[in-house]
C-alpha atoms as a PDB file:
ATOM      1  CA  MET A   1      63.652  39.684  94.356  1.00  0.00           C
ATOM      2  CA  ALA A   2      67.378  40.249  94.135  1.00  0.00           C
ATOM      3  CA  LEU A   3      67.737  36.709  92.796  1.00  0.00           C
ATOM      4  CA  TYR A   4      65.488  37.499  89.824  1.00  0.00           C
ATOM      5  CA  ASP A   5      67.351  40.739  89.226  1.00  0.00           C
ATOM      6  CA  ARG A   6      70.640  38.880  89.075  1.00  0.00           C
ATOM      7  CA  ASP A   7      69.258  36.319  86.635  1.00  0.00           C
ATOM      8  CA  TYR A   8      67.911  39.034  84.382  1.00  0.00           C
ATOM      9  CA  THR A   9      71.186  40.933  84.464  1.00  0.00           C
ATOM     10  CA  ALA A  10      73.195  37.799  83.716  1.00  0.00           C
ATOM     11  CA  ALA A  11      70.922  36.916  80.782  1.00  0.00           C
ATOM     12  CA  GLN A  12      71.136  40.460  79.487  1.00  0.00           C
ATOM     13  CA  GLN A  13      74.935  40.427  79.722  1.00  0.00           C
ATOM     14  CA  THR A  14      75.043  37.063  77.933  1.00  0.00           C
ATOM     15  CA  GLY A  15      72.909  38.535  75.151  1.00  0.00           C
ATOM     16  CA  TYR A  16      75.257  41.486  74.814  1.00  0.00           C
ATOM     17  CA  VAL A  17      78.282  39.178  74.637  1.00  0.00           C
ATOM     18  CA  GLN A  18      76.652  37.024  71.964  1.00  0.00           C
ATOM     19  CA  GLU A  19      75.636  40.077  69.948  1.00  0.00           C
ATOM     20  CA  ALA A  20      79.137  41.528  70.200  1.00  0.00           C
ATOM     21  CA  ALA A  21      80.622  38.198  69.084  1.00  0.00           C
ATOM     22  CA  THR A  22      78.282  38.094  66.072  1.00  0.00           C
ATOM     23  CA  VAL A  23      79.162  41.658  65.091  1.00  0.00           C
ATOM     24  CA  ASP A  24      82.879  40.886  65.424  1.00  0.00           C
ATOM     25  CA  PHE A  25      82.491  37.705  63.329  1.00  0.00           C
ATOM     26  CA  MET A  26      80.662  39.539  60.569  1.00  0.00           C
ATOM     27  CA  LYS A  27      83.184  42.381  60.646  1.00  0.00           C
ATOM     28  CA  LYS A  28      86.035  39.910  60.114  1.00  0.00           C
ATOM     29  CA  THR A  29      84.041  38.162  57.376  1.00  0.00           C
ATOM     30  CA  TYR A  30      83.501  41.350  55.384  1.00  0.00           C
ATOM     31  CA  GLN A  31      87.124  42.386  55.889  1.00  0.00           C
ATOM     32  CA  LEU A  32      88.186  39.047  54.395  1.00  0.00           C
ATOM     33  CA  LEU A  33      85.660  39.516  51.604  1.00  0.00           C
ATOM     34  CA  ALA A  34      87.198  42.883  50.735  1.00  0.00           C
ATOM     35  CA  ALA A  35      90.693  41.371  50.859  1.00  0.00           C
ATOM     36  CA  SER A  36      89.504  38.529  48.611  1.00  0.00           C
ATOM     37  CA  MET A  37      88.331  41.036  46.019  1.00  0.00           C
ATOM     38  CA  ILE A  38      91.740  42.693  46.105  1.00  0.00           C
ATOM     39  CA  ALA A  39      93.378  39.286  45.556  1.00  0.00           C
ATOM     40  CA  ALA A  40      91.042  38.614  42.612  1.00  0.00           C
ATOM     41  CA  ALA A  41      91.789  42.042  41.143  1.00  0.00           C
ATOM     42  CA  ALA A  42      95.505  41.322  41.518  1.00  0.00           C
ATOM     43  CA  GLY A  43      95.081  38.002  39.701  1.00  0.00           C
ATOM     44  CA  ALA A  44      93.277  39.696  36.827  1.00  0.00           C
ATOM     45  CA  TYR A  45      95.750  42.596  36.647  1.00  0.00           C
ATOM     46  CA  VAL A  46      98.886  40.445  36.674  1.00  0.00           C
ATOM     47  CA  THR A  47      97.671  38.036  33.993  1.00  0.00           C
ATOM     48  CA  MET A  48      95.774  40.484  31.754  1.00  0.00           C
ATOM     49  CA  PRO A  49      98.766  40.816  29.346  1.00  0.00           C
ATOM     50  CA  TYR A  50      98.582  37.039  28.878  1.00  0.00           C
ATOM     51  CA  ALA A  51      94.860  36.847  28.082  1.00  0.00           C
ATOM     52  CA  ALA A  52      95.433  34.543  25.098  1.00  0.00           C
ATOM     53  CA  ALA A  53      97.361  32.049  27.235  1.00  0.00           C
ATOM     54  CA  VAL A  54      94.735  32.219  29.970  1.00  0.00           C
ATOM     55  CA  MET A  55      92.053  31.497  27.387  1.00  0.00           C
ATOM     56  CA  GLN A  56      94.033  28.527  26.101  1.00  0.00           C
ATOM     57  CA  TYR A  57      94.396  27.027  29.584  1.00  0.00           C
ATOM     58  CA  LYS A  58      91.024  28.167  30.981  1.00  0.00           C
ATOM     59  CA  TRP A  59      89.829  24.647  31.817  1.00  0.00           C
ATOM     60  CA  PHE A  60      93.069  23.883  33.634  1.00  0.00           C
ATOM     61  CA  ILE A  61      92.713  27.112  35.644  1.00  0.00           C
ATOM     62  CA  PHE A  62      89.064  26.313  36.373  1.00  0.00           C
ATOM     63  CA  GLY A  63      90.085  22.853  37.556  1.00  0.00           C
ATOM     64  CA  ALA A  64      92.671  24.401  39.868  1.00  0.00           C
ATOM     65  CA  GLU A  65      89.954  26.657  41.295  1.00  0.00           C
ATOM     66  CA  LEU A  66      87.715  23.684  42.050  1.00  0.00           C
ATOM     67  CA  LEU A  67      90.638  21.792  43.572  1.00  0.00           C
ATOM     68  CA  VAL A  68      91.411  24.631  45.970  1.00  0.00           C
ATOM     69  CA  LEU A  69      87.731  25.268  46.720  1.00  0.00           C
ATOM     70  CA  PHE A  70      86.692  21.703  47.508  1.00  0.00           C
ATOM     71  CA  PHE A  71      89.943  20.196  48.755  1.00  0.00           C
ATOM     72  CA  GLY A  72      92.318  23.000  49.729  1.00  0.00           C
ATOM     73  CA  LEU A  73      89.785  24.969  51.746  1.00  0.00           C
ATOM     74  CA  GLY A  74      88.189  21.782  53.062  1.00  0.00           C
ATOM     75  CA  LEU A  75      91.436  20.254  54.313  1.00  0.00           C
ATOM     76  CA  SER A  76      92.619  23.569  55.774  1.00  0.00           C
ATOM     77  CA  ARG A  77      89.382  24.198  57.671  1.00  0.00           C
ATOM     78  CA  GLY A  78      90.131  24.964  61.293  1.00  0.00           C
ATOM     79  CA  LYS A  79      93.804  25.625  60.545  1.00  0.00           C
ATOM     80  CA  PRO A  80      94.426  29.364  60.924  1.00  0.00           C
ATOM     81  CA  GLY A  81      96.891  30.750  58.428  1.00  0.00           C
ATOM     82  CA  LEU A  82      96.612  27.818  56.037  1.00  0.00           C
ATOM     83  CA  ASN A  83      92.895  28.397  55.417  1.00  0.00           C
ATOM     84  CA  LEU A  84      93.629  32.077  54.865  1.00  0.00           C
ATOM     85  CA  ALA A  85      96.275  31.203  52.280  1.00  0.00           C
ATOM     86  CA  MET A  86      93.823  28.875  50.517  1.00  0.00           C
ATOM     87  CA  LEU A  87      91.216  31.655  50.468  1.00  0.00           C
ATOM     88  CA  PHE A  88      93.570  34.051  48.694  1.00  0.00           C
ATOM     89  CA  ILE A  89      94.858  31.383  46.293  1.00  0.00           C
ATOM     90  CA  PHE A  90      91.269  30.598  45.340  1.00  0.00           C
ATOM     91  CA  THR A  91      90.244  34.221  44.854  1.00  0.00           C
ATOM     92  CA  PHE A  92      93.464  34.994  42.943  1.00  0.00           C
ATOM     93  CA  LEU A  93      92.664  32.137  40.554  1.00  0.00           C
ATOM     94  CA  THR A  94      89.119  33.397  40.034  1.00  0.00           C
ATOM     95  CA  GLY A  95      90.596  36.749  39.045  1.00  0.00           C
ATOM     96  CA  VAL A  96      92.785  34.976  36.499  1.00  0.00           C
ATOM     97  CA  SER A  97      89.713  33.146  35.151  1.00  0.00           C
ATOM     98  CA  LEU A  98      87.976  36.473  34.567  1.00  0.00           C
ATOM     99  CA  VAL A  99      90.748  37.724  32.284  1.00  0.00           C
ATOM    100  CA  PRO A 100      89.288  36.449  28.953  1.00  0.00           C
ATOM    101  CA  LEU A 101      85.912  38.008  29.754  1.00  0.00           C
ATOM    102  CA  LEU A 102      87.436  41.309  30.876  1.00  0.00           C
ATOM    103  CA  ALA A 103      89.809  41.366  27.901  1.00  0.00           C
ATOM    104  CA  SER A 104      86.892  40.920  25.492  1.00  0.00           C
ATOM    105  CA  PHE A 105      85.210  44.020  26.913  1.00  0.00           C
ATOM    106  CA  ILE A 106      88.405  46.057  26.871  1.00  0.00           C
ATOM    107  CA  GLY A 107      89.174  44.929  23.319  1.00  0.00           C
ATOM    108  CA  ALA A 108      85.693  45.966  22.199  1.00  0.00           C
ATOM    109  CA  GLY A 109      86.146  49.437  23.692  1.00  0.00           C
ATOM    110  CA  MET A 110      83.682  48.693  26.494  1.00  0.00           C
ATOM    111  CA  GLY A 111      86.086  48.864  29.407  1.00  0.00           C
ATOM    112  CA  ALA A 112      83.820  51.317  31.254  1.00  0.00           C
ATOM    113  CA  VAL A 113      81.152  48.622  31.431  1.00  0.00           C
ATOM    114  CA  ILE A 114      83.393  46.646  33.811  1.00  0.00           C
ATOM    115  CA  GLY A 115      83.397  49.484  36.327  1.00  0.00           C
ATOM    116  CA  ASN A 116      79.643  49.976  35.937  1.00  0.00           C
ATOM    117  CA  ALA A 117      79.043  46.266  36.500  1.00  0.00           C
ATOM    118  CA  PHE A 118      81.187  46.275  39.650  1.00  0.00           C
ATOM    119  CA  LEU A 119      79.354  49.315  41.014  1.00  0.00           C
ATOM    120  CA  MET A 120      75.945  47.801  40.280  1.00  0.00           C
ATOM    121  CA  THR A 121      77.006  44.509  41.868  1.00  0.00           C
ATOM    122  CA  SER A 122      78.265  46.271  44.993  1.00  0.00           C
ATOM    123  CA  VAL A 123      74.990  48.180  45.407  1.00  0.00           C
ATOM    124  CA  LEU A 124      72.873  45.078  44.810  1.00  0.00           C
ATOM    125  CA  PHE A 125      75.017  42.902  47.072  1.00  0.00           C
ATOM    126  CA  GLY A 126      74.953  45.500  49.844  1.00  0.00           C
ATOM    127  CA  ALA A 127      71.178  45.927  49.597  1.00  0.00           C
ATOM    128  CA  LEU A 128      70.559  42.172  49.697  1.00  0.00           C
ATOM    129  CA  SER A 129      72.940  41.746  52.645  1.00  0.00           C
ATOM    130  CA  LEU A 130      71.245  44.510  54.647  1.00  0.00           C
ATOM    131  CA  PHE A 131      67.873  42.993  53.843  1.00  0.00           C
ATOM    132  CA  ALA A 132      69.009  39.568  55.061  1.00  0.00           C
ATOM    133  CA  ILE A 133      70.496  40.940  58.291  1.00  0.00           C
ATOM    134  CA  ASN A 134      67.450  43.045  59.186  1.00  0.00           C
ATOM    135  CA  SER A 135      64.726  40.684  57.975  1.00  0.00           C
ATOM    136  CA  LYS A 136      62.583  38.936  60.592  1.00  0.00           C
ATOM    137  CA  SER A 137      61.890  36.047  58.207  1.00  0.00           C
ATOM    138  CA  ASP A 138      63.811  32.779  58.401  1.00  0.00           C
ATOM    139  CA  TYR A 139      65.535  31.751  55.154  1.00  0.00           C
ATOM    140  CA  SER A 140      67.385  28.726  56.523  1.00  0.00           C
ATOM    141  CA  SER A 141      65.134  26.367  54.531  1.00  0.00           C
ATOM    142  CA  TRP A 142      66.255  27.881  51.210  1.00  0.00           C
ATOM    143  CA  GLY A 143      69.477  25.864  51.030  1.00  0.00           C
ATOM    144  CA  LYS A 144      68.231  22.663  49.383  1.00  0.00           C
ATOM    145  CA  PRO A 145      65.930  24.318  46.780  1.00  0.00           C
ATOM    146  CA  LEU A 146      68.663  26.785  45.803  1.00  0.00           C
ATOM    147  CA  PHE A 147      71.190  23.983  45.414  1.00  0.00           C
ATOM    148  CA  ILE A 148      68.791  22.003  43.200  1.00  0.00           C
ATOM    149  CA  VAL A 149      68.209  25.047  40.981  1.00  0.00           C
ATOM    150  CA  LEU A 150      71.972  25.573  40.803  1.00  0.00           C
ATOM    151  CA  ILE A 151      72.499  22.005  39.549  1.00  0.00           C
ATOM    152  CA  VAL A 152      69.770  22.471  36.927  1.00  0.00           C
ATOM    153  CA  VAL A 153      71.344  25.748  35.774  1.00  0.00           C
ATOM    154  CA  ILE A 154      74.799  24.146  35.492  1.00  0.00           C
ATOM    155  CA  ILE A 155      73.404  21.301  33.395  1.00  0.00           C
ATOM    156  CA  ALA A 156      71.478  23.738  31.185  1.00  0.00           C
ATOM    157  CA  SER A 157      74.610  25.859  30.747  1.00  0.00           C
ATOM    158  CA  LEU A 158      76.689  22.860  29.664  1.00  0.00           C
ATOM    159  CA  ILE A 159      74.020  21.737  27.202  1.00  0.00           C
ATOM    160  CA  ASN A 160      73.798  25.210  25.708  1.00  0.00           C
ATOM    161  CA  TYR A 161      77.590  25.646  25.587  1.00  0.00           C
ATOM    162  CA  PHE A 162      78.388  22.336  23.902  1.00  0.00           C
ATOM    163  CA  LEU A 163      75.203  21.564  21.933  1.00  0.00           C
ATOM    164  CA  LEU A 164      72.627  24.321  21.460  1.00  0.00           C
ATOM    165  CA  GLN A 165      74.878  27.405  21.420  1.00  0.00           C
ATOM    166  CA  SER A 166      71.756  29.570  21.546  1.00  0.00           C
ATOM    167  CA  PRO A 167      72.255  33.302  22.342  1.00  0.00           C
ATOM    168  CA  MET A 168      68.689  33.548  23.662  1.00  0.00           C
ATOM    169  CA  MET A 169      69.206  30.543  25.930  1.00  0.00           C
ATOM    170  CA  HIS A 170      72.428  32.144  27.153  1.00  0.00           C
ATOM    171  CA  ILE A 171      70.532  35.321  28.105  1.00  0.00           C
ATOM    172  CA  ILE A 172      67.872  33.290  29.921  1.00  0.00           C
ATOM    173  CA  ILE A 173      70.429  31.221  31.825  1.00  0.00           C
ATOM    174  CA  THR A 174      72.451  34.309  32.742  1.00  0.00           C
ATOM    175  CA  SER A 175      69.315  36.052  34.046  1.00  0.00           C
ATOM    176  CA  VAL A 176      68.385  32.991  36.121  1.00  0.00           C
ATOM    177  CA  VAL A 177      71.909  32.873  37.578  1.00  0.00           C
ATOM    178  CA  LEU A 178      71.616  36.539  38.567  1.00  0.00           C
ATOM    179  CA  ILE A 179      68.360  35.897  40.418  1.00  0.00           C
ATOM    180  CA  LEU A 180      69.650  32.642  41.910  1.00  0.00           C
ATOM    181  CA  PHE A 181      72.755  34.210  43.447  1.00  0.00           C
ATOM    182  CA  GLY A 182      70.699  37.116  44.676  1.00  0.00           C
ATOM    183  CA  PHE A 183      68.778  34.556  46.735  1.00  0.00           C
ATOM    184  CA  PHE A 184      72.034  32.855  47.716  1.00  0.00           C
ATOM    185  CA  THR A 185      73.332  36.190  49.016  1.00  0.00           C
ATOM    186  CA  ILE A 186      70.304  36.533  51.292  1.00  0.00           C
ATOM    187  CA  TYR A 187      70.570  32.909  52.420  1.00  0.00           C
ATOM    188  CA  ASP A 188      74.316  32.994  53.121  1.00  0.00           C
ATOM    189  CA  THR A 189      74.250  36.389  54.823  1.00  0.00           C
ATOM    190  CA  GLN A 190      71.512  35.342  57.232  1.00  0.00           C
ATOM    191  CA  ASN A 191      73.357  32.086  57.974  1.00  0.00           C
ATOM    192  CA  ILE A 192      76.449  34.101  58.871  1.00  0.00           C
ATOM    193  CA  ALA A 193      74.408  36.392  61.116  1.00  0.00           C
ATOM    194  CA  ASN A 194      72.852  33.335  62.792  1.00  0.00           C
ATOM    195  CA  GLY A 195      76.217  31.748  63.532  1.00  0.00           C
ATOM    196  CA  ALA A 196      76.063  28.906  61.009  1.00  0.00           C
ATOM    197  CA  TYR A 197      79.767  29.249  60.106  1.00  0.00           C
ATOM    198  CA  ASP A 198      82.670  28.256  62.336  1.00  0.00           C
ATOM    199  CA  SER A 199      85.230  30.501  60.649  1.00  0.00           C
ATOM    200  CA  PRO A 200      85.130  33.937  59.013  1.00  0.00           C
ATOM    201  CA  VAL A 201      87.185  32.394  56.193  1.00  0.00           C
ATOM    202  CA  ASP A 202      84.418  29.905  55.345  1.00  0.00           C
ATOM    203  CA  ALA A 203      81.827  32.681  55.556  1.00  0.00           C
ATOM    204  CA  ALA A 204      83.907  34.951  53.317  1.00  0.00           C
ATOM    205  CA  VAL A 205      84.229  32.195  50.695  1.00  0.00           C
ATOM    206  CA  SER A 206      80.445  31.832  50.505  1.00  0.00           C
ATOM    207  CA  LEU A 207      79.879  35.565  50.148  1.00  0.00           C
ATOM    208  CA  TYR A 208      82.721  35.909  47.643  1.00  0.00           C
ATOM    209  CA  ILE A 209      81.213  33.225  45.387  1.00  0.00           C
ATOM    210  CA  ASP A 210      77.851  35.027  45.568  1.00  0.00           C
ATOM    211  CA  PHE A 211      79.441  38.375  44.699  1.00  0.00           C
ATOM    212  CA  LEU A 212      81.539  36.894  41.900  1.00  0.00           C
ATOM    213  CA  ASN A 213      78.541  35.290  40.207  1.00  0.00           C
ATOM    214  CA  LEU A 214      76.455  38.441  40.563  1.00  0.00           C
ATOM    215  CA  PHE A 215      79.283  40.464  39.013  1.00  0.00           C
ATOM    216  CA  THR A 216      79.880  38.153  36.059  1.00  0.00           C
ATOM    217  CA  THR A 217      76.188  37.856  35.221  1.00  0.00           C
ATOM    218  CA  ILE A 218      75.593  41.606  35.445  1.00  0.00           C
ATOM    219  CA  LEU A 219      78.706  42.202  33.336  1.00  0.00           C
ATOM    220  CA  GLN A 220      77.541  39.745  30.671  1.00  0.00           C
ATOM    221  CA  LEU A 221      74.024  41.193  30.577  1.00  0.00           C
ATOM    222  CA  LEU A 222      75.365  44.739  30.263  1.00  0.00           C
ATOM    223  CA  GLY A 223      77.616  43.541  27.457  1.00  0.00           C
ATOM    224  CA  ILE A 224      74.767  41.797  25.636  1.00  0.00           C
ATOM    225  CA  PHE A 225      72.301  44.656  25.836  1.00  0.00           C
ATOM    226  CA  GLY A 226      74.949  47.346  25.396  1.00  0.00           C
ATOM    227  CA  SER A 227      76.479  45.943  22.220  1.00  0.00           C
ATOM    228  CA  ASP A 228      75.584  47.130  18.739  1.00  0.00           C
ATOM    229  CA  ASP A 229      75.285  43.595  17.335  1.00  0.00           C
END
């Protein structure tokens, strides 16, 4: 009888250790997410006076973002310190990329919309994250379908940007992106809770991209429906 008691106690202690490790991992992830937002805000703040120059070199800046995201973060994976630096370089650059969009709102006298969009994004992101953590359903199979939809949306966006230039199509695509990254938030959050990431830095990158896309789409939709045009 004592043997069974010891087995049960050991299993229970193992469960507590695993749960504590998961909580600690998620805590570090969200701390890095918050720090990433500060880095992005710093990037936007520092370069806001140079909005025209940022607009002129936007594709170069976007290319630098992709370079850091796919190569910098990839090559620095598993290298503490270096991967953290790559995370903040990436998020700083995304803040710089937001400058033309933010400047257009400020120039139109709609600066308050930026704060409203951030607040709405934070509430939505928090609600989706809590749902993912507490849900009993398994969303691990969502990855491939979400990625396929993302590719379709990117292609549709490029076609509309370079060829169609349709305001209605832009609204539709923006709305789809909002829904898509809402699902990505659920998917990524549950993966983090289930231990699918090796590093809090990698987990923070995924959540940051979700938050960033939610923010930009909400901001654009508020701008579209809040304008007098």
